[in-house]
Structures are given as C-alpha cells and as structure tokens.
Amino acid sequence: MTEPALYVYAVAPDRPGAADGVTGVDGHPLRLLAAPGTGLAALVHDAEPVPYQGPDEDVRRRVAEQDRAVVAVWERTGALLPMTFNVLVAPDPSPRDPRTAEERLRDWLTSRAAGLRSRLEALDGRAELRVEITVDRTESARDDERARALEAEMESRSPGLRRLLAKQLEQLRRESSERLADAIHADVRRRLLAVAEDMRERSRGVRDPGEADVLSAALLVRTEDIEAVGTVLAAVRDEQPAARIRFLGPWPPYTFADLPDGPREPAAPERA
C-alpha cells in the first residue's frame, strides 16, 4: 500500500480549531499539523503522492478552491504563509531513516521555526492588495489640438488618406499616453508607499492595446490602512480622467510570504 502524502496549503500559527470545517482542493477536509514546541503548524490535507494534473479548467477550479481555503484560515489566524499550487510532502522511504510525510513536514517546520515565526510576526494583521493603473490612449489625447485636427480632417478625406491619418492619430495618442503614464508613475508610487508598508511591482499578464501601463504592483498594508489605499487611488482617478484603476483584494500576503530556505532544501515541501 502506498504511504500517504500531504498536500500543503500554508504555514500558520498553531491555533487549534482554525481549520475546523474548512475544505480545500476537490473538497478535501483540511487540518493543522502542528510541530510541537515551535508554535507553528502546516495547513494540509492527506493526499496521494502525485501532483494534480488535468485540463486547464480543472486546474483553475482547484487553484480557486485552494485560495478560498487559505483565505478562510487566514481570516481566523490573522497571519499565514501561503504555498503555491501543488506543494506536496511525500514519505521518505530511505532504509536508513524512513519517515512519514507528517514526520518530514514537522522536521521542516522545526528546523526553520525561527525564520517562519519571524515572517508570521511581520505579516500579522497585514493583507496584500493588487493595484493596476493604466492610461487610456484615446482619453489621454482628448484635449490635444493636433489630435482634434486629425480627427476633423479624417471626416472629409478619402478612405486611403483616412487610413494614413488614422495611423498618425494612433501614434500621437500613443506618445501622449506614454508621457502621461511616466508622469503619473512616480507620483502614485510615492503616494501609495506613504500608506503601504511594502510594494513589489509585477508584470501585467494581459495587456490592452488601447492602454499604456503606469503601475502593476502588490502592496503589503495593515488591515486598518486598506481604506487609505482606496482613498489614494480615488484621488488619482479624480485628478487624471484618463487613468484606469483596478484595485483587488484584500488577500493573504502571497507575494510577501518569503519562505526561508525554499522548498528545494532537504526535507522541505516538494513542488511539482
């Protein structure tokens, strides 16, 4: 019979009952596996020692299920260090020192307890927010006299000339939006850092050709300062009509977990 593995969701403070009633990927009931003497526990479910695979639709569903589980326990504990998808700890079959998955995971928690506790303390009462700001290319050139002149000229020109003028107009809008994006970036970054404890810029996965990038970032904020971030972004929107702002969260601090000694270290959770 194959020895069971553990699917790991997060490292959390050892709070008995914090996972009660919470289900994870594919509806598996979750539990906290404590490492005695450390004050730490891992949020896990019992699993087969193979990573989840399948169609993209199944992967997206499972990732969403994992996120919901992590959020539920985070809301109860106030701090945790989330793992990425498909983190497994398998038994160690070494004939010299055979260990179960639970023993391996407890050993990992114990050996890194000081660093893990330090990160949990630093993140206690903090949340992650995601902010994306872009500039609408058309709106950025709305008051540009050259853009207005081109638009007016296009109305009376032949189709071929209109296509040429349209290219000129698009180039003008592109230059205008990129100038505005550069002007906004430093100012909004400074204003956000005045209310956030940390910021890490991110690359945008999907780009709209009608927009110029200003900022895509994860913010680490105290929960009581979430409203202040919203106030900053509302002010930017009012000051810059061409700005397009997306504000997501709050979430557990995925970007800021910074687990010490990553999972490639001996006896650490294994990533697929």
C-alpha atoms as a PDB file:
ATOM      1  CA  MET A   1       0.000   0.000   0.000  1.00  0.00           C
ATOM      2  CA  THR A   2       1.344   3.468  -0.931  1.00  0.00           C
ATOM      3  CA  GLU A   3       2.159   5.634   2.070  1.00  0.00           C
ATOM      4  CA  PRO A   4       0.007   8.801   2.131  1.00  0.00           C
ATOM      5  CA  ALA A   5       1.495  12.175   1.300  1.00  0.00           C
ATOM      6  CA  LEU A   6       0.463  15.632   2.476  1.00  0.00           C
ATOM      7  CA  TYR A   7      -0.765  18.454   0.277  1.00  0.00           C
ATOM      8  CA  VAL A   8       0.407  21.701   1.908  1.00  0.00           C
ATOM      9  CA  TYR A   9      -1.545  24.956   1.693  1.00  0.00           C
ATOM     10  CA  ALA A  10       0.280  27.222   4.126  1.00  0.00           C
ATOM     11  CA  VAL A  11       2.325  27.615   7.271  1.00  0.00           C
ATOM     12  CA  ALA A  12       0.298  29.180  10.074  1.00  0.00           C
ATOM     13  CA  PRO A  13       0.397  29.830  13.798  1.00  0.00           C
ATOM     14  CA  ASP A  14      -0.612  26.750  15.787  1.00  0.00           C
ATOM     15  CA  ARG A  15      -4.199  27.718  16.580  1.00  0.00           C
ATOM     16  CA  PRO A  16      -6.283  24.627  17.409  1.00  0.00           C
ATOM     17  CA  GLY A  17      -9.585  24.694  15.574  1.00  0.00           C
ATOM     18  CA  ALA A  18      -8.526  27.280  12.980  1.00  0.00           C
ATOM     19  CA  ALA A  19      -9.115  24.804  10.142  1.00  0.00           C
ATOM     20  CA  ASP A  20     -12.316  23.260  11.513  1.00  0.00           C
ATOM     21  CA  GLY A  21     -14.932  22.896   8.784  1.00  0.00           C
ATOM     22  CA  VAL A  22     -12.659  24.239   6.033  1.00  0.00           C
ATOM     23  CA  THR A  23     -12.375  22.232   2.829  1.00  0.00           C
ATOM     24  CA  GLY A  24      -9.748  22.571   0.141  1.00  0.00           C
ATOM     25  CA  VAL A  25      -8.940  21.163  -3.283  1.00  0.00           C
ATOM     26  CA  ASP A  26     -11.622  18.741  -4.518  1.00  0.00           C
ATOM     27  CA  GLY A  27     -13.461  19.182  -1.221  1.00  0.00           C
ATOM     28  CA  HIS A  28     -10.800  17.560   0.966  1.00  0.00           C
ATOM     29  CA  PRO A  29     -11.210  18.416   4.656  1.00  0.00           C
ATOM     30  CA  LEU A  30      -8.249  20.390   5.979  1.00  0.00           C
ATOM     31  CA  ARG A  31      -6.361  20.138   9.245  1.00  0.00           C
ATOM     32  CA  LEU A  32      -3.487  21.842  11.004  1.00  0.00           C
ATOM     33  CA  LEU A  33      -0.448  19.651  11.519  1.00  0.00           C
ATOM     34  CA  ALA A  34       1.404  21.136  14.494  1.00  0.00           C
ATOM     35  CA  ALA A  35       5.137  20.972  15.137  1.00  0.00           C
ATOM     36  CA  PRO A  36       5.337  20.695  18.938  1.00  0.00           C
ATOM     37  CA  GLY A  37       7.404  23.322  20.677  1.00  0.00           C
ATOM     38  CA  THR A  38       7.506  25.711  17.709  1.00  0.00           C
ATOM     39  CA  GLY A  39       4.125  27.425  17.823  1.00  0.00           C
ATOM     40  CA  LEU A  40       3.794  26.552  14.125  1.00  0.00           C
ATOM     41  CA  ALA A  41       1.528  24.333  12.093  1.00  0.00           C
ATOM     42  CA  ALA A  42       1.036  23.444   8.448  1.00  0.00           C
ATOM     43  CA  LEU A  43      -2.375  23.590   6.802  1.00  0.00           C
ATOM     44  CA  VAL A  44      -2.723  20.274   4.948  1.00  0.00           C
ATOM     45  CA  HIS A  45      -4.902  17.527   3.589  1.00  0.00           C
ATOM     46  CA  ASP A  46      -3.987  13.860   3.151  1.00  0.00           C
ATOM     47  CA  ALA A  47      -3.191  13.107  -0.470  1.00  0.00           C
ATOM     48  CA  GLU A  48      -1.752  10.709  -2.974  1.00  0.00           C
ATOM     49  CA  PRO A  49       1.967  11.363  -3.595  1.00  0.00           C
ATOM     50  CA  VAL A  50       1.338  12.731  -7.107  1.00  0.00           C
ATOM     51  CA  PRO A  51       0.622  16.319  -8.176  1.00  0.00           C
ATOM     52  CA  TYR A  52      -2.723  17.405  -9.541  1.00  0.00           C
ATOM     53  CA  GLN A  53      -2.929  17.409 -13.318  1.00  0.00           C
ATOM     54  CA  GLY A  54      -5.655  17.743 -15.899  1.00  0.00           C
ATOM     55  CA  PRO A  55      -7.368  20.221 -18.206  1.00  0.00           C
ATOM     56  CA  ASP A  56      -6.886  23.950 -17.637  1.00  0.00           C
ATOM     57  CA  GLU A  57     -10.469  24.223 -16.389  1.00  0.00           C
ATOM     58  CA  ASP A  58      -9.768  21.708 -13.604  1.00  0.00           C
ATOM     59  CA  VAL A  59      -6.535  23.484 -12.664  1.00  0.00           C
ATOM     60  CA  ARG A  60      -8.308  26.851 -12.427  1.00  0.00           C
ATOM     61  CA  ARG A  61     -11.048  25.345 -10.254  1.00  0.00           C
ATOM     62  CA  ARG A  62      -8.534  23.731  -7.918  1.00  0.00           C
ATOM     63  CA  VAL A  63      -6.469  26.892  -7.622  1.00  0.00           C
ATOM     64  CA  ALA A  64      -9.643  28.785  -6.696  1.00  0.00           C
ATOM     65  CA  GLU A  65     -10.530  26.128  -4.116  1.00  0.00           C
ATOM     66  CA  GLN A  66      -7.053  26.393  -2.620  1.00  0.00           C
ATOM     67  CA  ASP A  67      -7.295  30.175  -2.459  1.00  0.00           C
ATOM     68  CA  ARG A  68     -10.672  30.042  -0.696  1.00  0.00           C
ATOM     69  CA  ALA A  69      -9.299  27.619   1.896  1.00  0.00           C
ATOM     70  CA  VAL A  70      -6.223  29.741   2.561  1.00  0.00           C
ATOM     71  CA  VAL A  71      -8.328  32.888   2.922  1.00  0.00           C
ATOM     72  CA  ALA A  72     -10.704  31.154   5.356  1.00  0.00           C
ATOM     73  CA  VAL A  73      -7.867  30.115   7.675  1.00  0.00           C
ATOM     74  CA  TRP A  74      -6.043  33.449   7.249  1.00  0.00           C
ATOM     75  CA  GLU A  75      -9.144  35.287   8.443  1.00  0.00           C
ATOM     76  CA  ARG A  76      -9.139  33.143  11.586  1.00  0.00           C
ATOM     77  CA  THR A  77      -5.426  33.336  12.374  1.00  0.00           C
ATOM     78  CA  GLY A  78      -4.530  36.855  11.205  1.00  0.00           C
ATOM     79  CA  ALA A  79      -1.338  35.668   9.535  1.00  0.00           C
ATOM     80  CA  LEU A  80      -0.073  32.775   7.444  1.00  0.00           C
ATOM     81  CA  LEU A  81       2.496  31.985   4.780  1.00  0.00           C
ATOM     82  CA  PRO A  82       0.728  30.637   1.695  1.00  0.00           C
ATOM     83  CA  MET A  83       2.243  27.959  -0.527  1.00  0.00           C
ATOM     84  CA  THR A  84       1.770  27.841  -4.282  1.00  0.00           C
ATOM     85  CA  PHE A  85      -0.353  25.231  -6.035  1.00  0.00           C
ATOM     86  CA  ASN A  86       0.738  21.573  -5.943  1.00  0.00           C
ATOM     87  CA  VAL A  87       3.100  21.620  -2.949  1.00  0.00           C
ATOM     88  CA  LEU A  88       3.423  18.032  -1.724  1.00  0.00           C
ATOM     89  CA  VAL A  89       5.377  16.317   1.022  1.00  0.00           C
ATOM     90  CA  ALA A  90       5.862  12.611   0.329  1.00  0.00           C
ATOM     91  CA  PRO A  91       7.153   9.959   2.736  1.00  0.00           C
ATOM     92  CA  ASP A  92      10.898   9.381   2.835  1.00  0.00           C
ATOM     93  CA  PRO A  93      11.482   5.687   2.069  1.00  0.00           C
ATOM     94  CA  SER A  94      15.174   5.780   2.942  1.00  0.00           C
ATOM     95  CA  PRO A  95      16.067   2.438   4.582  1.00  0.00           C
ATOM     96  CA  ARG A  96      18.415   4.220   6.988  1.00  0.00           C
ATOM     97  CA  ASP A  97      15.897   6.819   8.153  1.00  0.00           C
ATOM     98  CA  PRO A  98      12.384   6.131   6.880  1.00  0.00           C
ATOM     99  CA  ARG A  99       9.980   8.926   7.737  1.00  0.00           C
ATOM    100  CA  THR A 100       6.307   9.514   7.128  1.00  0.00           C
ATOM    101  CA  ALA A 101       5.110  12.635   5.363  1.00  0.00           C
ATOM    102  CA  GLU A 102       3.994  14.038   8.706  1.00  0.00           C
ATOM    103  CA  GLU A 103       7.439  13.471  10.225  1.00  0.00           C
ATOM    104  CA  ARG A 104       9.160  15.119   7.261  1.00  0.00           C
ATOM    105  CA  LEU A 105       6.894  18.151   7.418  1.00  0.00           C
ATOM    106  CA  ARG A 106       7.277  18.508  11.193  1.00  0.00           C
ATOM    107  CA  ASP A 107      11.062  18.271  10.778  1.00  0.00           C
ATOM    108  CA  TRP A 108      10.973  21.045   8.175  1.00  0.00           C
ATOM    109  CA  LEU A 109       8.852  23.297  10.388  1.00  0.00           C
ATOM    110  CA  THR A 110      11.106  22.676  13.373  1.00  0.00           C
ATOM    111  CA  SER A 111      14.365  23.262  11.503  1.00  0.00           C
ATOM    112  CA  ARG A 112      13.146  26.591  10.142  1.00  0.00           C
ATOM    113  CA  ALA A 113      10.983  27.662  13.063  1.00  0.00           C
ATOM    114  CA  ALA A 114      12.820  30.895  13.868  1.00  0.00           C
ATOM    115  CA  GLY A 115      12.604  32.224  10.307  1.00  0.00           C
ATOM    116  CA  LEU A 116       8.999  31.144   9.866  1.00  0.00           C
ATOM    117  CA  ARG A 117       7.905  32.744  13.133  1.00  0.00           C
ATOM    118  CA  SER A 118       9.710  35.955  12.161  1.00  0.00           C
ATOM    119  CA  ARG A 119       7.829  36.138   8.861  1.00  0.00           C
ATOM    120  CA  LEU A 120       4.494  35.386  10.520  1.00  0.00           C
ATOM    121  CA  GLU A 121       5.073  38.115  13.084  1.00  0.00           C
ATOM    122  CA  ALA A 122       5.986  40.597  10.338  1.00  0.00           C
ATOM    123  CA  LEU A 123       2.802  39.753   8.417  1.00  0.00           C
ATOM    124  CA  ASP A 124       0.400  39.596  11.362  1.00  0.00           C
ATOM    125  CA  GLY A 125      -2.544  41.905  10.706  1.00  0.00           C
ATOM    126  CA  ARG A 126      -1.342  42.616   7.168  1.00  0.00           C
ATOM    127  CA  ALA A 127      -3.024  41.971   3.841  1.00  0.00           C
ATOM    128  CA  GLU A 128      -1.994  42.017   0.201  1.00  0.00           C
ATOM    129  CA  LEU A 129      -3.681  44.313  -2.281  1.00  0.00           C
ATOM    130  CA  ARG A 130      -3.153  44.334  -6.041  1.00  0.00           C
ATOM    131  CA  VAL A 131      -3.208  47.630  -7.912  1.00  0.00           C
ATOM    132  CA  GLU A 132      -3.122  48.095 -11.669  1.00  0.00           C
ATOM    133  CA  ILE A 133      -3.110  51.561 -13.217  1.00  0.00           C
ATOM    134  CA  THR A 134      -3.103  52.298 -16.928  1.00  0.00           C
ATOM    135  CA  VAL A 135      -3.779  55.302 -19.147  1.00  0.00           C
ATOM    136  CA  ASP A 136      -6.437  55.190 -21.853  1.00  0.00           C
ATOM    137  CA  ARG A 137      -4.682  56.229 -25.058  1.00  0.00           C
ATOM    138  CA  THR A 138      -7.710  57.939 -26.608  1.00  0.00           C
ATOM    139  CA  GLU A 139      -8.678  59.803 -23.444  1.00  0.00           C
ATOM    140  CA  SER A 140      -5.090  60.966 -22.827  1.00  0.00           C
ATOM    141  CA  ALA A 141      -5.132  62.953 -26.090  1.00  0.00           C
ATOM    142  CA  ARG A 142      -8.679  64.247 -25.730  1.00  0.00           C
ATOM    143  CA  ASP A 143      -7.531  67.862 -25.255  1.00  0.00           C
ATOM    144  CA  ASP A 144      -4.646  67.720 -27.733  1.00  0.00           C
ATOM    145  CA  GLU A 145      -5.249  70.212 -30.543  1.00  0.00           C
ATOM    146  CA  ARG A 146      -3.265  68.085 -33.007  1.00  0.00           C
ATOM    147  CA  ALA A 147      -5.470  65.082 -32.261  1.00  0.00           C
ATOM    148  CA  ARG A 148      -8.617  67.146 -32.744  1.00  0.00           C
ATOM    149  CA  ALA A 149      -7.304  68.480 -36.057  1.00  0.00           C
ATOM    150  CA  LEU A 150      -6.540  64.986 -37.331  1.00  0.00           C
ATOM    151  CA  GLU A 151      -9.970  63.715 -36.297  1.00  0.00           C
ATOM    152  CA  ALA A 152     -11.661  66.612 -38.090  1.00  0.00           C
ATOM    153  CA  GLU A 153      -9.570  66.148 -41.241  1.00  0.00           C
ATOM    154  CA  MET A 154     -10.359  62.435 -41.390  1.00  0.00           C
ATOM    155  CA  GLU A 155     -14.069  63.162 -41.796  1.00  0.00           C
ATOM    156  CA  SER A 156     -13.596  64.758 -45.222  1.00  0.00           C
ATOM    157  CA  ARG A 157     -10.814  62.654 -46.696  1.00  0.00           C
ATOM    158  CA  SER A 158     -10.787  59.609 -48.951  1.00  0.00           C
ATOM    159  CA  PRO A 159     -10.611  56.121 -47.402  1.00  0.00           C
ATOM    160  CA  GLY A 160      -6.938  55.748 -48.273  1.00  0.00           C
ATOM    161  CA  LEU A 161      -5.975  59.081 -46.734  1.00  0.00           C
ATOM    162  CA  ARG A 162      -8.146  58.375 -43.699  1.00  0.00           C
ATOM    163  CA  ARG A 163      -6.140  55.222 -43.060  1.00  0.00           C
ATOM    164  CA  LEU A 164      -2.912  57.238 -43.186  1.00  0.00           C
ATOM    165  CA  LEU A 165      -4.313  59.902 -40.888  1.00  0.00           C
ATOM    166  CA  ALA A 166      -5.586  57.195 -38.514  1.00  0.00           C
ATOM    167  CA  LYS A 167      -2.050  55.844 -38.177  1.00  0.00           C
ATOM    168  CA  GLN A 168      -0.779  59.334 -37.392  1.00  0.00           C
ATOM    169  CA  LEU A 169      -3.537  59.785 -34.826  1.00  0.00           C
ATOM    170  CA  GLU A 170      -2.739  56.460 -33.180  1.00  0.00           C
ATOM    171  CA  GLN A 171       0.944  57.392 -32.947  1.00  0.00           C
ATOM    172  CA  LEU A 172       0.060  60.749 -31.407  1.00  0.00           C
ATOM    173  CA  ARG A 173      -2.202  59.066 -28.853  1.00  0.00           C
ATOM    174  CA  ARG A 174       0.490  56.514 -28.048  1.00  0.00           C
ATOM    175  CA  GLU A 175       3.078  59.220 -27.381  1.00  0.00           C
ATOM    176  CA  SER A 176       0.622  61.270 -25.333  1.00  0.00           C
ATOM    177  CA  SER A 177      -0.430  58.296 -23.180  1.00  0.00           C
ATOM    178  CA  GLU A 178       3.161  57.218 -22.526  1.00  0.00           C
ATOM    179  CA  ARG A 179       4.146  60.738 -21.440  1.00  0.00           C
ATOM    180  CA  LEU A 180       1.201  60.843 -19.071  1.00  0.00           C
ATOM    181  CA  ALA A 181       1.955  57.340 -17.771  1.00  0.00           C
ATOM    182  CA  ASP A 182       5.528  58.366 -16.975  1.00  0.00           C
ATOM    183  CA  ALA A 183       4.285  61.483 -15.192  1.00  0.00           C
ATOM    184  CA  ILE A 184       1.773  59.541 -13.078  1.00  0.00           C
ATOM    185  CA  HIS A 185       4.054  56.626 -12.158  1.00  0.00           C
ATOM    186  CA  ALA A 186       6.475  58.331  -9.767  1.00  0.00           C
ATOM    187  CA  ASP A 187       3.731  60.337  -8.067  1.00  0.00           C
ATOM    188  CA  VAL A 188       1.341  57.440  -7.483  1.00  0.00           C
ATOM    189  CA  ARG A 189       4.157  55.181  -6.324  1.00  0.00           C
ATOM    190  CA  ARG A 190       5.201  57.751  -3.721  1.00  0.00           C
ATOM    191  CA  ARG A 191       1.625  58.233  -2.529  1.00  0.00           C
ATOM    192  CA  LEU A 192       0.955  54.508  -2.226  1.00  0.00           C
ATOM    193  CA  LEU A 193       4.173  53.906  -0.278  1.00  0.00           C
ATOM    194  CA  ALA A 194       3.026  56.529   2.210  1.00  0.00           C
ATOM    195  CA  VAL A 195       0.149  54.215   3.245  1.00  0.00           C
ATOM    196  CA  ALA A 196       1.611  50.770   2.430  1.00  0.00           C
ATOM    197  CA  GLU A 197       4.461  49.001   4.221  1.00  0.00           C
ATOM    198  CA  ASP A 198       5.894  47.419   1.089  1.00  0.00           C
ATOM    199  CA  MET A 199       5.358  47.390  -2.666  1.00  0.00           C
ATOM    200  CA  ARG A 200       6.515  44.919  -5.279  1.00  0.00           C
ATOM    201  CA  GLU A 201       5.934  45.752  -8.901  1.00  0.00           C
ATOM    202  CA  ARG A 202       4.552  42.997 -11.103  1.00  0.00           C
ATOM    203  CA  SER A 203       4.337  42.390 -14.831  1.00  0.00           C
ATOM    204  CA  ARG A 204       0.873  42.521 -16.340  1.00  0.00           C
ATOM    205  CA  GLY A 205      -0.284  39.212 -17.759  1.00  0.00           C
ATOM    206  CA  VAL A 206      -2.808  40.680 -20.236  1.00  0.00           C
ATOM    207  CA  ARG A 207      -2.203  43.984 -21.969  1.00  0.00           C
ATOM    208  CA  ASP A 208      -4.890  46.124 -23.579  1.00  0.00           C
ATOM    209  CA  PRO A 209      -3.507  47.697 -26.774  1.00  0.00           C
ATOM    210  CA  GLY A 210      -5.668  50.756 -26.062  1.00  0.00           C
ATOM    211  CA  GLU A 211      -3.903  51.450 -22.758  1.00  0.00           C
ATOM    212  CA  ALA A 212      -0.422  52.464 -21.610  1.00  0.00           C
ATOM    213  CA  ASP A 213       0.940  50.853 -18.441  1.00  0.00           C
ATOM    214  CA  VAL A 214       1.506  53.035 -15.381  1.00  0.00           C
ATOM    215  CA  LEU A 215       1.853  50.616 -12.468  1.00  0.00           C
ATOM    216  CA  SER A 216       1.095  46.988 -11.673  1.00  0.00           C
ATOM    217  CA  ALA A 217       2.010  46.176  -8.091  1.00  0.00           C
ATOM    218  CA  ALA A 218       1.297  44.151  -4.989  1.00  0.00           C
ATOM    219  CA  LEU A 219       1.014  46.182  -1.780  1.00  0.00           C
ATOM    220  CA  LEU A 220       1.509  44.975   1.765  1.00  0.00           C
ATOM    221  CA  VAL A 221      -0.729  47.002   4.060  1.00  0.00           C
ATOM    222  CA  ARG A 222      -2.015  46.871   7.589  1.00  0.00           C
ATOM    223  CA  THR A 223      -5.665  45.895   7.501  1.00  0.00           C
ATOM    224  CA  GLU A 224      -6.628  49.237   9.055  1.00  0.00           C
ATOM    225  CA  ASP A 225      -4.922  51.051   6.149  1.00  0.00           C
ATOM    226  CA  ILE A 226      -6.814  49.337   3.319  1.00  0.00           C
ATOM    227  CA  GLU A 227      -9.294  52.214   3.158  1.00  0.00           C
ATOM    228  CA  ALA A 228      -6.419  54.703   2.932  1.00  0.00           C
ATOM    229  CA  VAL A 229      -5.140  52.938  -0.201  1.00  0.00           C
ATOM    230  CA  GLY A 230      -8.601  53.282  -1.713  1.00  0.00           C
ATOM    231  CA  THR A 231      -8.587  56.991  -0.885  1.00  0.00           C
ATOM    232  CA  VAL A 232      -5.246  57.488  -2.671  1.00  0.00           C
ATOM    233  CA  LEU A 233      -6.485  55.680  -5.772  1.00  0.00           C
ATOM    234  CA  ALA A 234      -9.751  57.629  -5.804  1.00  0.00           C
ATOM    235  CA  ALA A 235      -7.761  60.875  -5.736  1.00  0.00           C
ATOM    236  CA  VAL A 236      -5.616  59.720  -8.666  1.00  0.00           C
ATOM    237  CA  ARG A 237      -8.738  58.834 -10.638  1.00  0.00           C
ATOM    238  CA  ASP A 238     -10.255  62.275  -9.963  1.00  0.00           C
ATOM    239  CA  GLU A 239      -7.045  64.086 -10.911  1.00  0.00           C
ATOM    240  CA  GLN A 240      -6.371  62.029 -14.045  1.00  0.00           C
ATOM    241  CA  PRO A 241      -9.546  61.283 -16.056  1.00  0.00           C
ATOM    242  CA  ALA A 242      -7.523  59.159 -18.496  1.00  0.00           C
ATOM    243  CA  ALA A 243      -6.323  56.839 -15.701  1.00  0.00           C
ATOM    244  CA  ARG A 244      -7.886  53.390 -15.453  1.00  0.00           C
ATOM    245  CA  ILE A 245      -7.530  51.833 -11.998  1.00  0.00           C
ATOM    246  CA  ARG A 246      -8.094  48.233 -10.883  1.00  0.00           C
ATOM    247  CA  PHE A 247      -7.952  47.552  -7.147  1.00  0.00           C
ATOM    248  CA  LEU A 248      -8.130  43.926  -5.939  1.00  0.00           C
ATOM    249  CA  GLY A 249      -8.021  42.238  -2.527  1.00  0.00           C
ATOM    250  CA  PRO A 250      -7.574  42.034   0.373  1.00  0.00           C
ATOM    251  CA  TRP A 251      -5.824  38.668   0.226  1.00  0.00           C
ATOM    252  CA  PRO A 252      -3.310  36.746   2.305  1.00  0.00           C
ATOM    253  CA  PRO A 253       0.217  38.046   1.580  1.00  0.00           C
ATOM    254  CA  TYR A 254       1.137  35.643  -1.238  1.00  0.00           C
ATOM    255  CA  THR A 255       3.749  37.971  -2.724  1.00  0.00           C
ATOM    256  CA  PHE A 256       5.361  38.772   0.627  1.00  0.00           C
ATOM    257  CA  ALA A 257       5.499  35.321   2.256  1.00  0.00           C
ATOM    258  CA  ASP A 258       9.240  34.900   1.520  1.00  0.00           C
ATOM    259  CA  LEU A 259       9.519  31.412   2.968  1.00  0.00           C
ATOM    260  CA  PRO A 260      13.043  30.884   4.347  1.00  0.00           C
ATOM    261  CA  ASP A 261      15.096  28.146   2.712  1.00  0.00           C
ATOM    262  CA  GLY A 262      12.864  27.315  -0.199  1.00  0.00           C
ATOM    263  CA  PRO A 263      11.197  24.001  -0.923  1.00  0.00           C
ATOM    264  CA  ARG A 264      14.217  22.613  -2.750  1.00  0.00           C
ATOM    265  CA  GLU A 265      16.006  22.346   0.593  1.00  0.00           C
ATOM    266  CA  PRO A 266      16.223  18.829   2.111  1.00  0.00           C
ATOM    267  CA  ALA A 267      13.085  17.624   3.845  1.00  0.00           C
ATOM    268  CA  ALA A 268      11.120  20.665   2.737  1.00  0.00           C
ATOM    269  CA  PRO A 269       7.762  20.565   0.957  1.00  0.00           C
ATOM    270  CA  GLU A 270       8.257  19.451  -2.635  1.00  0.00           C
ATOM    271  CA  ARG A 271       6.854  21.447  -5.517  1.00  0.00           C
ATOM    272  CA  ALA A 272       5.602  19.652  -8.573  1.00  0.00           C
END
